[in-house]
Amino acid sequence: MSSMDIAMSSGTPRPNILSRIWNASLSWKLLSVAIFALIWEMAARSGFNFAFPTFTATMAAMAQMIGDGSMGRAFLRTMEPLVIGLAISLSVGISAGIAMGLKKSFEWFTLPMFIVMQAAPMAALIPLVTFVYGIGLASKVVAVVMLSMPVIAMNSYKAVRNVSPSLVAMCHSFTGSRWQQITRIILPAASPMMFAGLRLGVAEGFSGAVLAELLITPTGIGDLITYHRSVANFAHMYATILAIVLFAIIAVSSLQWVEAKLFRPERRGN
């Protein structure tokens, strides 16, 4: 049997098949975007609501704000509390999640706090955050942390807790120390689920940053939304909302791509 026959009988997908699957998936995504834009355009032109602009007007407003620099300046203001809050959430959330998964005593003390943070309605806590931290950068960072940290911590906790005990027992049978069990077995096995929690935490962080700017002080993206709504410039308001949604989708999709490359061997060739 030739090497080509062996390769074909092994069941390994050929590169041209994978590329065709990827191109088909991309075509369906582009088609769904086109259908969404068409429905938006038709709904706006039906005149059911004067405050709902057409898709073409919204895209023209977005191009105008990108051209005059107002969109870029707003994103830079929004990114400041978002980046700081996500950095705190990642460092504290992952550490706390790993500690809860490894130590029952730490789980008993810390887990209820993260459950309460995850269940509490953010909009109801904004006045308390504003009262304690004021209306500056600190309150917006706290809003991002309150939304993103519980997701990251809970996923890290579940990832560590769900590691197969047989893997840990195997390491112990080979006289592996506790440190080696954690670094060589537990953390590598828990990494995919932890990274998924990171992706969800970033998505929640975007929600927290925009919510804080709308409810605390209108700066950045929240300022653009509030201003254009107040002057009934609805195309620019929808363009701002669409821009932050697209930015969040791109960021989360990029993390999903990195996750697939790192933790899904079947998709590394794509």
Protein backbone atom coordinates (compact mmCIF):
# COMPACT_ATOMS: atom_id res chain seq x y z
CA MET A 1 0.00 0.00 0.00
CA SER A 2 1.41 3.39 -0.95
CA SER A 3 1.89 6.27 1.48
CA MET A 4 -0.93 8.16 -0.21
CA ASP A 5 -3.32 5.27 0.37
CA ILE A 6 -2.27 5.11 4.00
CA ALA A 7 -2.84 8.84 4.43
CA MET A 8 -6.27 8.59 2.82
CA SER A 9 -7.30 5.56 4.87
CA SER A 10 -6.14 7.11 8.14
CA GLY A 11 -9.12 9.44 8.16
CA THR A 12 -7.03 12.60 8.54
CA PRO A 13 -8.80 15.55 6.85
CA ARG A 14 -6.91 16.87 3.89
CA PRO A 15 -5.99 20.57 3.84
CA ASN A 16 -8.20 21.30 0.81
CA ILE A 17 -11.24 19.83 2.59
CA LEU A 18 -10.55 21.95 5.68
CA SER A 19 -10.16 25.07 3.58
CA ARG A 20 -13.43 24.36 1.81
CA ILE A 21 -15.19 23.94 5.15
CA TRP A 22 -13.69 27.23 6.37
CA ASN A 23 -14.73 29.04 3.18
CA ALA A 24 -18.25 27.65 3.45
CA SER A 25 -18.47 28.78 7.08
CA LEU A 26 -17.23 32.25 6.12
CA SER A 27 -19.79 32.43 3.31
CA TRP A 28 -22.62 31.61 5.71
CA LYS A 29 -21.41 34.26 8.16
CA LEU A 30 -21.28 36.90 5.44
CA LEU A 31 -24.72 35.85 4.24
CA SER A 32 -26.16 36.18 7.75
CA VAL A 33 -24.66 39.68 8.07
CA ALA A 34 -26.17 40.66 4.72
CA ILE A 35 -29.61 39.35 5.73
CA PHE A 36 -29.37 41.21 9.06
CA ALA A 37 -28.49 44.47 7.26
CA LEU A 38 -31.33 43.97 4.77
CA ILE A 39 -33.91 43.35 7.52
CA TRP A 40 -32.62 46.41 9.42
CA GLU A 41 -32.91 48.57 6.28
CA MET A 42 -36.40 47.36 5.44
CA ALA A 43 -37.64 47.76 9.03
CA ALA A 44 -36.33 51.32 9.23
CA ARG A 45 -37.82 52.29 5.86
CA SER A 46 -41.22 50.95 6.91
CA GLY A 47 -41.48 53.96 9.24
CA PHE A 48 -42.63 52.08 12.32
CA ASN A 49 -40.47 54.33 14.54
CA PHE A 50 -38.97 57.70 13.66
CA ALA A 51 -36.08 57.09 16.08
CA PHE A 52 -34.93 53.97 14.25
CA PRO A 53 -32.49 54.94 11.44
CA THR A 54 -31.73 52.92 8.35
CA PHE A 55 -28.71 50.68 8.18
CA THR A 56 -27.12 52.82 5.46
CA ALA A 57 -27.57 55.99 7.51
CA THR A 58 -26.07 54.27 10.54
CA MET A 59 -23.03 53.11 8.61
CA ALA A 60 -22.61 56.61 7.12
CA ALA A 61 -22.71 58.09 10.63
CA MET A 62 -20.14 55.56 11.82
CA ALA A 63 -17.84 56.45 8.92
CA GLN A 64 -18.24 60.15 9.75
CA MET A 65 -17.36 59.65 13.44
CA ILE A 66 -14.37 57.50 12.53
CA GLY A 67 -13.24 60.13 10.05
CA ASP A 68 -13.47 63.08 12.45
CA GLY A 69 -11.78 61.11 15.26
CA SER A 70 -14.64 61.28 17.77
CA MET A 71 -15.14 57.52 17.72
CA GLY A 72 -11.43 56.84 18.31
CA ARG A 73 -11.25 59.29 21.22
CA ALA A 74 -14.35 57.74 22.79
CA PHE A 75 -12.91 54.24 22.52
CA LEU A 76 -9.66 55.34 24.15
CA ARG A 77 -11.61 56.76 27.10
CA THR A 78 -13.66 53.57 27.40
CA MET A 79 -10.63 51.28 27.14
CA GLU A 80 -8.98 52.78 30.23
CA PRO A 81 -11.38 51.41 32.89
CA LEU A 82 -11.93 48.28 30.79
CA VAL A 83 -8.25 47.33 30.59
CA ILE A 84 -7.59 48.12 34.26
CA GLY A 85 -10.70 46.25 35.39
CA LEU A 86 -9.94 43.20 33.25
CA ALA A 87 -6.33 43.11 34.49
CA ILE A 88 -7.57 43.06 38.10
CA SER A 89 -10.28 40.51 37.29
CA LEU A 90 -7.88 38.16 35.52
CA SER A 91 -5.19 38.23 38.22
CA VAL A 92 -7.55 38.01 41.20
CA GLY A 93 -10.25 35.87 39.57
CA ILE A 94 -7.94 33.17 38.22
CA SER A 95 -5.94 33.03 41.47
CA ALA A 96 -9.07 32.84 43.60
CA GLY A 97 -10.63 30.21 41.33
CA ILE A 98 -7.56 27.99 41.47
CA ALA A 99 -7.34 28.41 45.25
CA MET A 100 -11.02 27.51 45.67
CA GLY A 101 -10.55 24.42 43.52
CA LEU A 102 -7.53 23.26 45.50
CA LYS A 103 -8.51 24.19 49.06
CA LYS A 104 -11.85 23.32 50.62
CA SER A 105 -11.37 25.90 53.37
CA PHE A 106 -10.75 28.69 50.85
CA GLU A 107 -13.77 27.53 48.85
CA TRP A 108 -15.98 27.68 51.94
CA PHE A 109 -14.85 31.25 52.67
CA THR A 110 -14.73 32.75 49.15
CA LEU A 111 -17.26 30.94 46.94
CA PRO A 112 -20.39 32.60 48.47
CA MET A 113 -18.97 36.05 47.70
CA PHE A 114 -18.50 35.25 44.02
CA ILE A 115 -21.98 33.69 43.83
CA VAL A 116 -23.50 36.86 45.28
CA MET A 117 -21.47 39.05 42.90
CA GLN A 118 -22.60 36.99 39.93
CA ALA A 119 -26.27 37.02 40.94
CA ALA A 120 -26.55 40.65 42.04
CA PRO A 121 -28.11 43.07 39.51
CA MET A 122 -25.40 45.48 38.42
CA ALA A 123 -27.74 48.41 37.74
CA ALA A 124 -28.98 48.28 41.33
CA LEU A 125 -25.43 48.36 42.74
CA ILE A 126 -24.25 51.32 40.65
CA PRO A 127 -25.58 53.94 43.17
CA LEU A 128 -23.71 52.17 45.99
CA VAL A 129 -20.51 52.05 43.93
CA THR A 130 -20.89 55.74 43.10
CA PHE A 131 -21.47 56.61 46.76
CA VAL A 132 -18.32 54.77 47.87
CA TYR A 133 -15.91 55.52 45.01
CA GLY A 134 -17.34 58.71 43.52
CA ILE A 135 -17.90 59.36 39.83
CA GLY A 136 -14.33 59.01 38.61
CA LEU A 137 -12.24 56.25 37.11
CA ALA A 138 -12.27 54.07 40.25
CA SER A 139 -16.04 53.52 40.18
CA LYS A 140 -15.95 52.46 36.52
CA VAL A 141 -13.11 50.03 37.20
CA VAL A 142 -15.13 48.56 40.07
CA ALA A 143 -18.14 48.14 37.75
CA VAL A 144 -16.01 46.20 35.25
CA VAL A 145 -14.55 44.05 38.02
CA MET A 146 -17.94 43.28 39.52
CA LEU A 147 -19.20 41.90 36.22
CA SER A 148 -16.13 40.12 34.88
CA MET A 149 -14.38 38.73 37.97
CA PRO A 150 -17.14 36.33 39.14
CA VAL A 151 -17.32 34.70 35.70
CA ILE A 152 -13.55 34.22 35.53
CA ALA A 153 -13.29 32.99 39.12
CA MET A 154 -16.20 30.54 38.87
CA ASN A 155 -14.93 29.04 35.60
CA SER A 156 -11.44 28.66 37.04
CA TYR A 157 -12.87 27.05 40.16
CA LYS A 158 -14.98 24.57 38.19
CA ALA A 159 -12.09 23.82 35.83
CA VAL A 160 -9.75 22.88 38.68
CA ARG A 161 -12.44 20.99 40.58
CA ASN A 162 -13.40 18.89 37.52
CA VAL A 163 -9.88 17.64 36.79
CA SER A 164 -9.95 13.85 36.68
CA PRO A 165 -8.81 12.41 40.03
CA SER A 166 -7.17 9.53 38.18
CA LEU A 167 -4.66 11.96 36.65
CA VAL A 168 -3.74 13.30 40.08
CA ALA A 169 -3.51 9.75 41.45
CA MET A 170 -1.24 8.77 38.57
CA CYS A 171 1.09 11.68 39.39
CA HIS A 172 1.07 10.66 43.04
CA SER A 173 1.86 7.04 42.16
CA PHE A 174 4.97 8.27 40.33
CA THR A 175 6.04 10.03 43.57
CA GLY A 176 5.10 13.45 42.24
CA SER A 177 5.02 16.25 44.79
CA ARG A 178 1.96 18.43 45.40
CA TRP A 179 3.56 21.26 43.44
CA GLN A 180 4.14 18.92 40.49
CA GLN A 181 0.52 17.74 40.67
CA ILE A 182 -0.64 21.34 40.40
CA THR A 183 1.77 22.55 37.72
CA ARG A 184 2.06 19.38 35.62
CA ILE A 185 -1.43 17.86 35.92
CA ILE A 186 -4.13 20.13 37.35
CA LEU A 187 -3.40 23.45 35.64
CA PRO A 188 -2.76 22.02 32.15
CA ALA A 189 -5.95 19.93 32.36
CA ALA A 190 -7.98 22.90 33.61
CA SER A 191 -6.57 25.43 31.12
CA PRO A 192 -9.22 25.04 28.36
CA MET A 193 -12.13 25.74 30.68
CA MET A 194 -10.22 28.55 32.40
CA PHE A 195 -9.55 30.18 29.03
CA ALA A 196 -13.25 29.89 28.18
CA GLY A 197 -13.99 31.73 31.43
CA LEU A 198 -11.51 34.41 30.41
CA ARG A 199 -13.38 34.88 27.14
CA LEU A 200 -16.71 35.19 28.94
CA GLY A 201 -15.17 37.56 31.46
CA VAL A 202 -13.95 39.87 28.70
CA ALA A 203 -17.46 39.96 27.24
CA GLU A 204 -18.89 40.84 30.65
CA GLY A 205 -16.19 43.48 31.07
CA PHE A 206 -17.39 45.27 27.94
CA SER A 207 -20.92 45.32 29.36
CA GLY A 208 -19.65 46.69 32.67
CA ALA A 209 -17.61 49.46 31.03
CA VAL A 210 -20.50 50.71 28.88
CA LEU A 211 -23.02 50.35 31.72
CA ALA A 212 -20.77 52.37 34.04
CA GLU A 213 -20.38 55.13 31.46
CA LEU A 214 -24.14 55.32 30.99
CA LEU A 215 -25.10 55.24 34.67
CA ILE A 216 -22.19 56.95 36.45
CA THR A 217 -20.67 59.67 34.25
CA PRO A 218 -21.12 59.90 30.48
CA THR A 219 -17.59 59.58 29.14
CA GLY A 220 -16.19 57.74 26.16
CA ILE A 221 -18.70 55.55 24.34
CA GLY A 222 -21.35 56.33 26.95
CA ASP A 223 -20.87 60.05 26.30
CA LEU A 224 -21.41 59.61 22.56
CA ILE A 225 -24.56 57.55 23.13
CA THR A 226 -25.98 60.03 25.68
CA TYR A 227 -25.15 63.11 23.61
CA HIS A 228 -26.56 61.89 20.31
CA ARG A 229 -29.68 60.62 22.04
CA SER A 230 -30.22 64.00 23.71
CA VAL A 231 -30.04 65.86 20.38
CA ALA A 232 -32.15 63.23 18.56
CA ASN A 233 -29.24 62.28 16.30
CA PHE A 234 -30.32 58.68 16.24
CA ALA A 235 -28.14 57.49 13.35
CA HIS A 236 -25.01 58.49 15.27
CA MET A 237 -26.38 56.94 18.47
CA TYR A 238 -27.03 53.60 16.77
CA ALA A 239 -23.66 53.81 15.04
CA THR A 240 -21.94 54.17 18.42
CA ILE A 241 -23.84 51.21 19.85
CA LEU A 242 -23.06 49.13 16.77
CA ALA A 243 -19.38 50.07 16.96
CA ILE A 244 -18.96 48.88 20.57
CA VAL A 245 -20.88 45.68 19.79
CA LEU A 246 -18.66 44.97 16.78
CA PHE A 247 -15.53 45.71 18.83
CA ALA A 248 -16.67 43.30 21.54
CA ILE A 249 -17.46 40.62 18.96
CA ILE A 250 -14.03 40.99 17.36
CA ALA A 251 -12.27 40.83 20.75
CA VAL A 252 -14.20 37.77 21.93
CA SER A 253 -13.83 36.04 18.54
CA SER A 254 -10.07 36.64 18.64
CA LEU A 255 -9.89 35.02 22.06
CA GLN A 256 -11.99 32.12 20.75
CA TRP A 257 -9.54 31.70 17.85
CA VAL A 258 -6.59 31.67 20.26
CA GLU A 259 -8.44 29.15 22.43
CA ALA A 260 -8.99 26.89 19.41
CA LYS A 261 -5.33 27.08 18.43
CA LEU A 262 -4.07 26.35 21.95
CA PHE A 263 -6.54 23.81 23.28
CA ARG A 264 -8.25 22.18 20.27
CA PRO A 265 -5.73 20.09 18.33
CA GLU A 266 -8.26 19.23 15.62
CA ARG A 267 -8.47 22.91 14.64
CA ARG A 268 -4.81 23.92 14.77
CA GLY A 269 -4.41 23.42 11.05
CA ASN A 270 -7.19 25.89 10.19
